[in-house]
Structure formats: structure tokens, C-alpha cells
Amino acid sequence: WSLMNALSCGCRIVASDTAPVREMIRPGINGVLCDFFNIDQWVDSIESILGSPHKFDAMASNGRRMIEERYSIEEAVLKINSLLL
């Protein structure tokens, strides 16, 4: 839930490249994935975002859009209605 909340707020995401996270994050599209044990990769990714956050604006917007499209109340109601009809 925390990842979904961060995405919905338009945060720039740096996360571990693990199966549950890959369900939400598309590298370069809505976030950055790092090898869990590669500290240098984590540092480089975070420094890149902190150094030039505007370069990652599209990823932040894409993350928010993905949450809106998949998990908004409107989408949930449409899915429920389609199941009931």
C-alpha cells in the first residue's frame, strides 16, 4: 500500500527490483528499480533524482496516472458493475 500511496502522490520512486515491486513499477516509465544488494546502484539512482528532479517528472506523472487508471474509485465501480451485468 505504501508504494501505491507514493505513486498516487506523484513521488519519484526508487525501489528494489523484486517480484512484488515489479507488479507496480515499470523501469523508466513510472520509477527506477535497483538490485536489492547493489548499494552503488541505489546511491547513483537516488543522487540522479535528487540532483535533477525535473528529469523524472514524467515518471512521477506516469505513476500517478497508472494508479488513477487501475485503482480509482471510478474504475472499481466500473469493474463491479461489469461483473453484475
C-alpha atoms as a PDB file:
ATOM      1  CA  TRP A   1       0.000   0.000   0.000  1.00  0.00           C
ATOM      2  CA  SER A   2       2.820   2.423   0.747  1.00  0.00           C
ATOM      3  CA  LEU A   3       4.126   2.169  -2.810  1.00  0.00           C
ATOM      4  CA  MET A   4       0.653   2.772  -4.211  1.00  0.00           C
ATOM      5  CA  ASN A   5       0.222   5.796  -1.940  1.00  0.00           C
ATOM      6  CA  ALA A   6       3.589   7.221  -3.010  1.00  0.00           C
ATOM      7  CA  LEU A   7       2.749   6.700  -6.685  1.00  0.00           C
ATOM      8  CA  SER A   8      -0.645   8.346  -6.262  1.00  0.00           C
ATOM      9  CA  CYS A   9       1.067  11.395  -4.745  1.00  0.00           C
ATOM     10  CA  GLY A  10       3.326  11.726  -7.775  1.00  0.00           C
ATOM     11  CA  CYS A  11       6.501  10.780  -5.942  1.00  0.00           C
ATOM     12  CA  ARG A  12       9.639   9.832  -7.809  1.00  0.00           C
ATOM     13  CA  ILE A  13      10.170   6.174  -6.969  1.00  0.00           C
ATOM     14  CA  VAL A  14      13.411   4.274  -6.405  1.00  0.00           C
ATOM     15  CA  ALA A  15      12.587   0.741  -5.321  1.00  0.00           C
ATOM     16  CA  SER A  16      14.061  -2.734  -5.091  1.00  0.00           C
ATOM     17  CA  ASP A  17      13.891  -4.931  -8.160  1.00  0.00           C
ATOM     18  CA  THR A  18      11.842  -7.674  -6.538  1.00  0.00           C
ATOM     19  CA  ALA A  19       8.767  -9.517  -7.772  1.00  0.00           C
ATOM     20  CA  PRO A  20       6.114  -7.668  -5.722  1.00  0.00           C
ATOM     21  CA  VAL A  21       7.531  -4.281  -6.686  1.00  0.00           C
ATOM     22  CA  ARG A  22       7.766  -5.201 -10.385  1.00  0.00           C
ATOM     23  CA  GLU A  23       3.980  -5.639 -10.333  1.00  0.00           C
ATOM     24  CA  MET A  24       3.707  -1.860  -9.916  1.00  0.00           C
ATOM     25  CA  ILE A  25       6.912  -0.307 -11.255  1.00  0.00           C
ATOM     26  CA  ARG A  26       7.905  -0.262 -14.912  1.00  0.00           C
ATOM     27  CA  PRO A  27      11.567   0.840 -15.007  1.00  0.00           C
ATOM     28  CA  GLY A  28      11.997   4.144 -16.775  1.00  0.00           C
ATOM     29  CA  ILE A  29       8.232   4.541 -17.132  1.00  0.00           C
ATOM     30  CA  ASN A  30       6.995   5.162 -13.586  1.00  0.00           C
ATOM     31  CA  GLY A  31      10.035   4.540 -11.423  1.00  0.00           C
ATOM     32  CA  VAL A  32      13.566   3.241 -11.046  1.00  0.00           C
ATOM     33  CA  LEU A  33      14.366  -0.291  -9.900  1.00  0.00           C
ATOM     34  CA  CYS A  34      17.621  -1.242  -8.212  1.00  0.00           C
ATOM     35  CA  ASP A  35      19.153  -4.582  -7.388  1.00  0.00           C
ATOM     36  CA  PHE A  36      18.353  -5.158  -3.737  1.00  0.00           C
ATOM     37  CA  PHE A  37      22.012  -5.771  -2.802  1.00  0.00           C
ATOM     38  CA  ASN A  38      23.688  -3.214  -5.105  1.00  0.00           C
ATOM     39  CA  ILE A  39      24.270  -0.230  -2.833  1.00  0.00           C
ATOM     40  CA  ASP A  40      26.139   1.725  -5.527  1.00  0.00           C
ATOM     41  CA  GLN A  41      23.153   1.426  -7.869  1.00  0.00           C
ATOM     42  CA  TRP A  42      20.842   2.718  -5.134  1.00  0.00           C
ATOM     43  CA  VAL A  43      23.138   5.650  -4.403  1.00  0.00           C
ATOM     44  CA  ASP A  44      23.529   6.542  -8.093  1.00  0.00           C
ATOM     45  CA  SER A  45      19.787   6.374  -8.717  1.00  0.00           C
ATOM     46  CA  ILE A  46      18.888   8.483  -5.701  1.00  0.00           C
ATOM     47  CA  GLU A  47      21.606  11.038  -6.464  1.00  0.00           C
ATOM     48  CA  SER A  48      20.325  11.333 -10.039  1.00  0.00           C
ATOM     49  CA  ILE A  49      16.811  12.093  -8.876  1.00  0.00           C
ATOM     50  CA  LEU A  50      17.884  14.480  -6.142  1.00  0.00           C
ATOM     51  CA  GLY A  51      20.301  16.244  -8.493  1.00  0.00           C
ATOM     52  CA  SER A  52      17.799  16.767 -11.316  1.00  0.00           C
ATOM     53  CA  PRO A  53      14.290  16.016 -10.091  1.00  0.00           C
ATOM     54  CA  HIS A  54      12.676  17.698 -13.119  1.00  0.00           C
ATOM     55  CA  LYS A  55      14.199  14.998 -15.365  1.00  0.00           C
ATOM     56  CA  PHE A  56      11.986  12.499 -13.552  1.00  0.00           C
ATOM     57  CA  ASP A  57       8.745  14.489 -13.739  1.00  0.00           C
ATOM     58  CA  ALA A  58       7.332  12.240 -16.469  1.00  0.00           C
ATOM     59  CA  MET A  59       7.939   9.121 -14.376  1.00  0.00           C
ATOM     60  CA  ALA A  60       6.175  10.744 -11.414  1.00  0.00           C
ATOM     61  CA  SER A  61       3.202  11.710 -13.616  1.00  0.00           C
ATOM     62  CA  ASN A  62       3.087   8.249 -15.171  1.00  0.00           C
ATOM     63  CA  GLY A  63       2.999   6.653 -11.723  1.00  0.00           C
ATOM     64  CA  ARG A  64       0.099   8.805 -10.626  1.00  0.00           C
ATOM     65  CA  ARG A  65      -1.761   8.164 -13.886  1.00  0.00           C
ATOM     66  CA  MET A  66      -1.257   4.400 -13.527  1.00  0.00           C
ATOM     67  CA  ILE A  67      -2.797   4.433 -10.047  1.00  0.00           C
ATOM     68  CA  GLU A  68      -5.714   6.574 -11.238  1.00  0.00           C
ATOM     69  CA  GLU A  69      -6.363   4.269 -14.195  1.00  0.00           C
ATOM     70  CA  ARG A  70      -6.109   0.989 -12.287  1.00  0.00           C
ATOM     71  CA  TYR A  71      -7.291   1.772  -8.786  1.00  0.00           C
ATOM     72  CA  SER A  72      -9.549   4.843  -8.766  1.00  0.00           C
ATOM     73  CA  ILE A  73     -12.996   4.508  -7.231  1.00  0.00           C
ATOM     74  CA  GLU A  74     -14.470   5.091 -10.684  1.00  0.00           C
ATOM     75  CA  GLU A  75     -12.520   2.124 -12.076  1.00  0.00           C
ATOM     76  CA  ALA A  76     -13.549  -0.044  -9.145  1.00  0.00           C
ATOM     77  CA  VAL A  77     -17.228   0.801  -9.663  1.00  0.00           C
ATOM     78  CA  LEU A  78     -16.987   0.108 -13.401  1.00  0.00           C
ATOM     79  CA  LYS A  79     -15.405  -3.299 -12.722  1.00  0.00           C
ATOM     80  CA  ILE A  80     -18.053  -4.198 -10.170  1.00  0.00           C
ATOM     81  CA  ASN A  81     -20.859  -3.069 -12.488  1.00  0.00           C
ATOM     82  CA  SER A  82     -19.452  -5.135 -15.354  1.00  0.00           C
ATOM     83  CA  LEU A  83     -19.420  -8.205 -13.111  1.00  0.00           C
ATOM     84  CA  LEU A  84     -23.010  -7.656 -12.033  1.00  0.00           C
ATOM     85  CA  LEU A  85     -24.421  -7.106 -15.515  1.00  0.00           C
END
